[in-house]
C-alpha atoms as a PDB file:
ATOM      1  CA  GLN A   1     -65.985  60.140 -47.049  1.00  0.00           C
ATOM      2  CA  ASP A   2     -62.267  60.331 -47.713  1.00  0.00           C
ATOM      3  CA  ALA A   3     -62.564  57.435 -50.156  1.00  0.00           C
ATOM      4  CA  ILE A   4     -65.459  59.156 -51.921  1.00  0.00           C
ATOM      5  CA  ASP A   5     -63.523  62.429 -52.162  1.00  0.00           C
ATOM      6  CA  ARG A   6     -60.499  60.676 -53.632  1.00  0.00           C
ATOM      7  CA  LYS A   7     -62.670  58.802 -56.135  1.00  0.00           C
ATOM      8  CA  GLU A   8     -64.308  62.026 -57.289  1.00  0.00           C
ATOM      9  CA  LYS A   9     -60.979  63.799 -57.517  1.00  0.00           C
ATOM     10  CA  ARG A  10     -59.528  61.058 -59.701  1.00  0.00           C
ATOM     11  CA  SER A  11     -62.624  61.148 -61.886  1.00  0.00           C
ATOM     12  CA  GLU A  12     -62.332  64.893 -62.396  1.00  0.00           C
ATOM     13  CA  THR A  13     -58.629  64.556 -63.122  1.00  0.00           C
ATOM     14  CA  PHE A  14     -59.212  62.008 -65.849  1.00  0.00           C
ATOM     15  CA  LYS A  15     -62.014  64.004 -67.439  1.00  0.00           C
ATOM     16  CA  THR A  16     -59.402  66.625 -68.291  1.00  0.00           C
ATOM     17  CA  ALA A  17     -56.219  64.527 -68.456  1.00  0.00           C
ATOM     18  CA  VAL A  18     -57.374  61.665 -70.655  1.00  0.00           C
ATOM     19  CA  HIS A  19     -57.840  63.307 -74.015  1.00  0.00           C
ATOM     20  CA  GLY A  20     -56.467  63.255 -77.549  1.00  0.00           C
ATOM     21  CA  LEU A  21     -53.643  65.476 -78.670  1.00  0.00           C
ATOM     22  CA  GLU A  22     -55.350  66.201 -81.959  1.00  0.00           C
ATOM     23  CA  THR A  23     -58.720  67.822 -82.433  1.00  0.00           C
ATOM     24  CA  ASN A  24     -59.956  64.843 -84.421  1.00  0.00           C
ATOM     25  CA  THR A  25     -58.991  62.360 -81.700  1.00  0.00           C
ATOM     26  CA  PRO A  26     -62.053  61.514 -79.560  1.00  0.00           C
ATOM     27  CA  SER A  27     -61.732  61.996 -75.811  1.00  0.00           C
ATOM     28  CA  LEU A  28     -61.969  59.014 -73.505  1.00  0.00           C
ATOM     29  CA  LYS A  29     -64.308  59.720 -70.603  1.00  0.00           C
ATOM     30  CA  ALA A  30     -63.249  58.671 -67.120  1.00  0.00           C
ATOM     31  CA  GLU A  31     -66.123  56.221 -66.808  1.00  0.00           C
ATOM     32  CA  GLU A  32     -64.981  54.511 -70.033  1.00  0.00           C
ATOM     33  CA  LEU A  33     -61.463  53.699 -68.801  1.00  0.00           C
ATOM     34  CA  GLY A  34     -60.953  49.972 -69.039  1.00  0.00           C
ATOM     35  CA  ARG A  35     -64.377  49.477 -70.603  1.00  0.00           C
ATOM     36  CA  ARG A  36     -63.561  50.792 -74.063  1.00  0.00           C
ATOM     37  CA  ALA A  37     -60.331  50.460 -76.006  1.00  0.00           C
ATOM     38  CA  PRO A  38     -58.592  53.844 -76.229  1.00  0.00           C
ATOM     39  CA  GLN A  39     -57.297  55.430 -79.389  1.00  0.00           C
ATOM     40  CA  TRP A  40     -53.541  55.349 -78.974  1.00  0.00           C
ATOM     41  CA  VAL A  41     -51.575  58.577 -79.227  1.00  0.00           C
ATOM     42  CA  ARG A  42     -49.165  58.136 -82.127  1.00  0.00           C
ATOM     43  CA  ASP A  43     -45.492  57.737 -81.217  1.00  0.00           C
ATOM     44  CA  ASN A  44     -44.389  60.518 -83.542  1.00  0.00           C
ATOM     45  CA  LEU A  45     -46.583  63.055 -81.754  1.00  0.00           C
ATOM     46  CA  VAL A  46     -44.566  63.030 -78.547  1.00  0.00           C
ATOM     47  CA  THR A  47     -40.901  63.259 -77.646  1.00  0.00           C
ATOM     48  CA  MET A  48     -41.270  62.706 -73.903  1.00  0.00           C
ATOM     49  CA  CYS A  49     -43.257  60.550 -71.501  1.00  0.00           C
ATOM     50  CA  MET A  50     -46.769  61.975 -71.147  1.00  0.00           C
ATOM     51  CA  ARG A  51     -46.699  61.256 -67.400  1.00  0.00           C
ATOM     52  CA  CYS A  52     -43.235  62.029 -65.994  1.00  0.00           C
ATOM     53  CA  ARG A  53     -42.174  64.201 -68.985  1.00  0.00           C
ATOM     54  CA  GLU A  54     -38.746  62.623 -69.241  1.00  0.00           C
ATOM     55  CA  PRO A  55     -37.500  62.607 -72.867  1.00  0.00           C
ATOM     56  CA  PHE A  56     -37.558  59.351 -74.794  1.00  0.00           C
ATOM     57  CA  ASN A  57     -34.430  57.870 -76.343  1.00  0.00           C
ATOM     58  CA  ALA A  58     -33.629  54.695 -78.253  1.00  0.00           C
ATOM     59  CA  ILE A  59     -31.596  53.013 -75.544  1.00  0.00           C
ATOM     60  CA  THR A  60     -32.631  53.757 -71.964  1.00  0.00           C
ATOM     61  CA  ARG A  61     -36.152  55.212 -72.202  1.00  0.00           C
ATOM     62  CA  ARG A  62     -38.363  53.664 -74.849  1.00  0.00           C
ATOM     63  CA  ARG A  63     -42.020  54.246 -75.671  1.00  0.00           C
ATOM     64  CA  HIS A  64     -44.947  52.188 -74.376  1.00  0.00           C
ATOM     65  CA  HIS A  65     -48.694  52.698 -74.631  1.00  0.00           C
ATOM     66  CA  CYS A  66     -51.037  52.612 -71.667  1.00  0.00           C
ATOM     67  CA  ARG A  67     -53.787  50.177 -72.638  1.00  0.00           C
ATOM     68  CA  ALA A  68     -56.361  52.122 -70.635  1.00  0.00           C
ATOM     69  CA  CYS A  69     -55.904  55.766 -71.687  1.00  0.00           C
ATOM     70  CA  GLY A  70     -53.723  55.382 -74.803  1.00  0.00           C
ATOM     71  CA  TYR A  71     -50.984  57.735 -73.587  1.00  0.00           C
ATOM     72  CA  VAL A  72     -47.373  57.239 -74.718  1.00  0.00           C
ATOM     73  CA  VAL A  73     -45.387  56.624 -71.550  1.00  0.00           C
ATOM     74  CA  CYS A  74     -41.985  55.325 -70.478  1.00  0.00           C
ATOM     75  CA  ALA A  75     -41.335  51.888 -68.938  1.00  0.00           C
ATOM     76  CA  ARG A  76     -41.142  53.282 -65.408  1.00  0.00           C
ATOM     77  CA  CYS A  77     -44.492  55.057 -65.687  1.00  0.00           C
ATOM     78  CA  SER A  78     -46.196  52.013 -67.251  1.00  0.00           C
ATOM     79  CA  ASP A  79     -44.780  49.273 -65.034  1.00  0.00           C
ATOM     80  CA  TYR A  80     -48.255  48.335 -63.774  1.00  0.00           C
ATOM     81  CA  LYS A  81     -50.928  45.785 -64.661  1.00  0.00           C
ATOM     82  CA  ALA A  82     -54.705  46.223 -64.437  1.00  0.00           C
ATOM     83  CA  GLU A  83     -57.612  44.130 -65.654  1.00  0.00           C
ATOM     84  CA  LEU A  84     -59.419  45.798 -68.554  1.00  0.00           C
ATOM     85  CA  GLN A  85     -63.035  44.974 -69.263  1.00  0.00           C
ATOM     86  CA  TYR A  86     -62.748  45.513 -73.016  1.00  0.00           C
ATOM     87  CA  ASP A  87     -60.025  42.845 -73.165  1.00  0.00           C
ATOM     88  CA  GLY A  88     -61.946  40.146 -71.314  1.00  0.00           C
ATOM     89  CA  ASN A  89     -60.670  41.355 -67.911  1.00  0.00           C
ATOM     90  CA  ARG A  90     -57.138  40.248 -68.758  1.00  0.00           C
ATOM     91  CA  PRO A  91     -54.214  42.119 -67.121  1.00  0.00           C
ATOM     92  CA  ASN A  92     -52.747  44.781 -69.388  1.00  0.00           C
ATOM     93  CA  ARG A  93     -49.901  47.295 -69.146  1.00  0.00           C
ATOM     94  CA  VAL A  94     -51.225  50.596 -67.823  1.00  0.00           C
ATOM     95  CA  CYS A  95     -49.749  53.840 -66.525  1.00  0.00           C
ATOM     96  CA  GLN A  96     -49.609  54.607 -62.812  1.00  0.00           C
ATOM     97  CA  GLU A  97     -52.546  57.025 -62.918  1.00  0.00           C
ATOM     98  CA  CYS A  98     -54.810  54.503 -64.668  1.00  0.00           C
ATOM     99  CA  PHE A  99     -53.662  51.761 -62.289  1.00  0.00           C
ATOM    100  CA  ILE A 100     -54.722  53.846 -59.281  1.00  0.00           C
ATOM    101  CA  PHE A 101     -58.001  54.837 -60.918  1.00  0.00           C
ATOM    102  CA  LEU A 102     -58.961  51.339 -62.073  1.00  0.00           C
ATOM    103  CA  THR A 103     -57.879  49.364 -59.022  1.00  0.00           C
ATOM    104  CA  GLY A 104     -58.263  51.880 -56.218  1.00  0.00           C
ATOM    105  CA  HIS A 105     -54.837  50.822 -54.950  1.00  0.00           C
ATOM    106  CA  THR A 106     -52.482  53.410 -53.555  1.00  0.00           C
ATOM    107  CA  VAL A 107     -48.955  53.428 -54.932  1.00  0.00           C
ATOM    108  CA  LEU A 108     -46.842  54.214 -51.873  1.00  0.00           C
ATOM    109  CA  GLU A 109     -43.481  54.312 -53.644  1.00  0.00           C
ATOM    110  CA  ASP A 110     -42.771  57.310 -55.829  1.00  0.00           C
ATOM    111  CA  ARG A 111     -40.927  57.113 -59.132  1.00  0.00           C
ATOM    112  CA  GLU A 112     -37.612  57.906 -57.502  1.00  0.00           C
ATOM    113  CA  GLY A 113     -38.216  55.591 -54.568  1.00  0.00           C
ATOM    114  CA  LYS A 114     -38.766  51.898 -54.090  1.00  0.00           C
ATOM    115  CA  HIS A 115     -40.989  50.995 -57.014  1.00  0.00           C
ATOM    116  CA  LYS A 116     -39.083  48.797 -59.450  1.00  0.00           C
ATOM    117  CA  GLY A 117     -39.102  49.567 -63.114  1.00  0.00           C
ATOM    118  CA  ILE A 118     -37.676  46.873 -65.364  1.00  0.00           C
ATOM    119  CA  LEU A 119     -34.152  48.356 -65.197  1.00  0.00           C
ATOM    120  CA  GLU A 120     -34.275  48.194 -61.391  1.00  0.00           C
ATOM    121  CA  LYS A 121     -35.174  44.504 -61.313  1.00  0.00           C
ATOM    122  CA  GLY A 122     -32.325  42.226 -60.350  1.00  0.00           C
ATOM    123  CA  ALA A 123     -30.550  40.135 -62.966  1.00  0.00           C
ATOM    124  CA  ALA A 124     -31.299  36.894 -61.120  1.00  0.00           C
ATOM    125  CA  GLU A 125     -35.012  37.729 -60.941  1.00  0.00           C
ATOM    126  CA  VAL A 126     -35.266  38.586 -64.638  1.00  0.00           C
ATOM    127  CA  SER A 127     -33.062  35.683 -65.742  1.00  0.00           C
ATOM    128  CA  SER A 128     -35.304  33.159 -63.980  1.00  0.00           C
ATOM    129  CA  ARG A 129     -38.136  34.261 -66.304  1.00  0.00           C
ATOM    130  CA  SER A 130     -36.265  34.880 -69.546  1.00  0.00           C
ATOM    131  CA  LEU A 131     -36.446  33.740 -73.149  1.00  0.00           C
ATOM    132  CA  LEU A 132     -32.640  33.639 -73.196  1.00  0.00           C
ATOM    133  CA  CYS A 133     -29.863  34.805 -70.903  1.00  0.00           C
ATOM    134  CA  SER A 134     -26.104  34.333 -70.829  1.00  0.00           C
ATOM    135  CA  SER A 135     -22.794  36.102 -70.704  1.00  0.00           C
ATOM    136  CA  LEU A 136     -21.810  38.008 -73.874  1.00  0.00           C
ATOM    137  CA  GLN A 137     -19.331  40.679 -74.835  1.00  0.00           C
ATOM    138  CA  LEU A 138     -20.478  43.904 -76.475  1.00  0.00           C
ATOM    139  CA  LEU A 139     -17.669  45.395 -78.545  1.00  0.00           C
ATOM    140  CA  ASP A 140     -17.009  49.106 -78.796  1.00  0.00           C
ATOM    141  CA  LYS A 141     -17.313  50.954 -82.097  1.00  0.00           C
ATOM    142  CA  ASN A 142     -13.769  50.208 -83.263  1.00  0.00           C
ATOM    143  CA  GLY A 143     -14.295  46.486 -82.624  1.00  0.00           C
ATOM    144  CA  LYS A 144     -11.158  46.101 -80.514  1.00  0.00           C
ATOM    145  CA  GLY A 145     -12.305  46.533 -76.924  1.00  0.00           C
ATOM    146  CA  GLY A 146     -15.612  45.954 -75.295  1.00  0.00           C
ATOM    147  CA  THR A 147     -17.689  45.266 -72.219  1.00  0.00           C
ATOM    148  CA  ARG A 148     -18.467  41.794 -70.968  1.00  0.00           C
ATOM    149  CA  GLY A 149     -21.770  41.470 -69.167  1.00  0.00           C
ATOM    150  CA  TRP A 150     -24.914  39.460 -68.501  1.00  0.00           C
ATOM    151  CA  PHE A 151     -27.508  39.778 -71.282  1.00  0.00           C
ATOM    152  CA  VAL A 152     -31.205  38.935 -70.846  1.00  0.00           C
ATOM    153  CA  ILE A 153     -34.358  38.946 -72.992  1.00  0.00           C
ATOM    154  CA  PRO A 154     -37.140  38.809 -70.338  1.00  0.00           C
ATOM    155  CA  GLN A 155     -40.387  36.937 -70.881  1.00  0.00           C
ATOM    156  CA  ASP A 156     -42.420  39.918 -69.673  1.00  0.00           C
ATOM    157  CA  ASP A 157     -40.624  42.366 -72.003  1.00  0.00           C
ATOM    158  CA  PRO A 158     -39.552  40.098 -74.884  1.00  0.00           C
ATOM    159  CA  LEU A 159     -38.778  42.815 -77.434  1.00  0.00           C
ATOM    160  CA  VAL A 160     -35.944  44.304 -75.389  1.00  0.00           C
ATOM    161  CA  LEU A 161     -32.403  43.170 -74.579  1.00  0.00           C
ATOM    162  CA  TYR A 162     -31.312  44.098 -71.042  1.00  0.00           C
ATOM    163  CA  ILE A 163     -27.636  44.344 -70.162  1.00  0.00           C
ATOM    164  CA  TYR A 164     -26.290  43.790 -66.644  1.00  0.00           C
ATOM    165  CA  ALA A 165     -22.688  44.123 -65.589  1.00  0.00           C
ATOM    166  CA  ALA A 166     -22.942  40.813 -63.697  1.00  0.00           C
ATOM    167  CA  PRO A 167     -25.500  37.987 -63.265  1.00  0.00           C
ATOM    168  CA  GLN A 168     -26.409  39.065 -59.716  1.00  0.00           C
ATOM    169  CA  ASP A 169     -26.593  42.819 -60.227  1.00  0.00           C
ATOM    170  CA  VAL A 170     -29.726  44.442 -58.821  1.00  0.00           C
ATOM    171  CA  ARG A 171     -30.082  46.838 -61.749  1.00  0.00           C
ATOM    172  CA  ALA A 172     -29.519  46.703 -65.505  1.00  0.00           C
ATOM    173  CA  HIS A 173     -27.262  49.483 -66.726  1.00  0.00           C
ATOM    174  CA  THR A 174     -28.843  49.770 -70.172  1.00  0.00           C
ATOM    175  CA  SER A 175     -31.275  48.185 -72.630  1.00  0.00           C
ATOM    176  CA  ILE A 176     -31.596  47.824 -76.397  1.00  0.00           C
ATOM    177  CA  PRO A 177     -35.076  47.728 -78.007  1.00  0.00           C
ATOM    178  CA  LEU A 178     -34.775  44.921 -80.560  1.00  0.00           C
ATOM    179  CA  LEU A 179     -37.799  45.627 -82.744  1.00  0.00           C
ATOM    180  CA  GLY A 180     -36.792  46.500 -86.298  1.00  0.00           C
ATOM    181  CA  TYR A 181     -33.148  45.437 -86.067  1.00  0.00           C
ATOM    182  CA  GLN A 182     -31.498  43.058 -88.512  1.00  0.00           C
ATOM    183  CA  VAL A 183     -29.357  40.221 -87.133  1.00  0.00           C
ATOM    184  CA  ARG A 184     -26.147  39.714 -89.091  1.00  0.00           C
ATOM    185  CA  ASP A 185     -23.771  36.753 -88.841  1.00  0.00           C
ATOM    186  CA  LEU A 186     -20.049  37.418 -88.978  1.00  0.00           C
ATOM    187  CA  PRO A 187     -17.242  34.956 -89.718  1.00  0.00           C
ATOM    188  CA  GLN A 188     -15.095  33.750 -86.847  1.00  0.00           C
ATOM    189  CA  SER A 189     -12.184  36.055 -86.101  1.00  0.00           C
ATOM    190  CA  GLU A 190      -9.362  34.724 -83.955  1.00  0.00           C
ATOM    191  CA  SER A 191     -11.707  32.089 -82.498  1.00  0.00           C
ATOM    192  CA  ARG A 192     -14.244  34.781 -81.617  1.00  0.00           C
ATOM    193  CA  HIS A 193     -17.906  34.027 -82.379  1.00  0.00           C
ATOM    194  CA  LEU A 194     -19.228  37.332 -83.716  1.00  0.00           C
ATOM    195  CA  PHE A 195     -22.663  38.617 -84.727  1.00  0.00           C
ATOM    196  CA  GLN A 196     -24.322  42.020 -85.035  1.00  0.00           C
ATOM    197  CA  LEU A 197     -27.551  43.930 -84.579  1.00  0.00           C
ATOM    198  CA  VAL A 198     -27.943  46.494 -87.365  1.00  0.00           C
ATOM    199  CA  GLN A 199     -30.504  49.239 -87.873  1.00  0.00           C
ATOM    200  CA  SER A 200     -29.730  52.194 -90.146  1.00  0.00           C
ATOM    201  CA  ARG A 201     -26.397  53.543 -88.843  1.00  0.00           C
ATOM    202  CA  GLN A 202     -26.740  51.904 -85.448  1.00  0.00           C
ATOM    203  CA  VAL A 203     -24.587  48.759 -85.124  1.00  0.00           C
ATOM    204  CA  PHE A 204     -24.009  46.571 -82.053  1.00  0.00           C
ATOM    205  CA  THR A 205     -21.358  43.846 -82.302  1.00  0.00           C
ATOM    206  CA  PHE A 206     -21.466  40.902 -79.887  1.00  0.00           C
ATOM    207  CA  VAL A 207     -19.054  38.094 -79.058  1.00  0.00           C
ATOM    208  CA  ALA A 208     -20.430  34.774 -77.790  1.00  0.00           C
ATOM    209  CA  ASP A 209     -18.403  32.100 -76.001  1.00  0.00           C
ATOM    210  CA  THR A 210     -19.346  29.367 -78.467  1.00  0.00           C
ATOM    211  CA  GLU A 211     -20.737  29.052 -81.980  1.00  0.00           C
ATOM    212  CA  GLU A 212     -23.796  27.234 -80.614  1.00  0.00           C
ATOM    213  CA  LEU A 213     -24.527  30.063 -78.150  1.00  0.00           C
ATOM    214  CA  LYS A 214     -24.075  32.617 -80.920  1.00  0.00           C
ATOM    215  CA  HIS A 215     -26.745  30.962 -83.058  1.00  0.00           C
ATOM    216  CA  ARG A 216     -29.123  30.711 -80.098  1.00  0.00           C
ATOM    217  CA  TRP A 217     -28.798  34.456 -79.542  1.00  0.00           C
ATOM    218  CA  MET A 218     -29.147  35.221 -83.245  1.00  0.00           C
ATOM    219  CA  LYS A 219     -32.378  33.214 -83.394  1.00  0.00           C
ATOM    220  CA  ALA A 220     -33.803  34.812 -80.229  1.00  0.00           C
ATOM    221  CA  MET A 221     -32.898  38.342 -81.320  1.00  0.00           C
ATOM    222  CA  ALA A 222     -34.265  37.807 -84.819  1.00  0.00           C
ATOM    223  CA  ARG A 223     -37.624  36.703 -83.409  1.00  0.00           C
ATOM    224  CA  SER A 224     -37.789  39.713 -81.092  1.00  0.00           C
ATOM    225  CA  ALA A 225     -36.698  42.060 -83.881  1.00  0.00           C
ATOM    226  CA  ALA A 226     -39.574  40.753 -86.001  1.00  0.00           C
ATOM    227  CA  GLY A 227     -42.034  41.198 -83.135  1.00  0.00           C
ATOM    228  CA  ILE A 228     -42.454  37.443 -82.657  1.00  0.00           C
ATOM    229  CA  THR A 229     -42.562  36.347 -79.017  1.00  0.00           C
ATOM    230  CA  GLU A 230     -43.267  33.100 -77.264  1.00  0.00           C
ATOM    231  CA  GLU A 231     -45.995  34.537 -75.057  1.00  0.00           C
ATOM    232  CA  GLU A 232     -47.496  37.443 -76.971  1.00  0.00           C
ATOM    233  CA  GLU A 233     -47.911  36.324 -80.565  1.00  0.00           C
ATOM    234  CA  GLU A 234     -51.322  38.033 -80.663  1.00  0.00           C
ATOM    235  CA  GLU A 235     -50.011  41.340 -79.195  1.00  0.00           C
ATOM    236  CA  ASP A 236     -50.992  44.487 -81.051  1.00  0.00           C
ATOM    237  CA  ALA A 237     -48.450  45.048 -83.816  1.00  0.00           C
ATOM    238  CA  ASP A 238     -48.206  48.755 -82.989  1.00  0.00           C
ATOM    239  CA  GLU A 239     -46.399  48.103 -79.683  1.00  0.00           C
END
């Protein structure tokens, strides 16, 4: 009976919670979750995660879409996978609420507890499944000083660069979404192998240990910036 009550409660919740933000956006009924592709809420309609309500920003909290309900959510709130019938029962990124509804699993850890978002995953764990990882130096804005760290482009989040202070750290201290950036080569300066990520007025300058490593990073970043990944070449271009 408890299971039935919880199922009905979740169903009623989604009948009101899963809806469009615009009057011309069709609602997605609870019974259609996972069976029919949702109409995604447009990024420019929201400034904060539609689940935890934390504000988005370009560095540490970027936008994702739940493939079940279409909500715009942050990485922490969408760090779940569920099989969706409309996509041939393949695992897709979904928000926590849709994960519970679709799988019936209980998420014991709360958002501030033990559940690991991508930033909370250890550097060694992410590096073992990465498109590229190595030590780099990220220069400050005046180009004189900078922070040396461990940089990773994960296979399971290949459009983002994660930055750890050290290769064995248990948590990344920041991330840079690569999509839309331009990769710029710079001439060697005092035996330093320099290159940049540039988007509008935002510029990140990196120093690699060797010229060969610099070109490997430039190639990997350019592919991610263009939305080209090794594993998800057929991914929806809107994500």
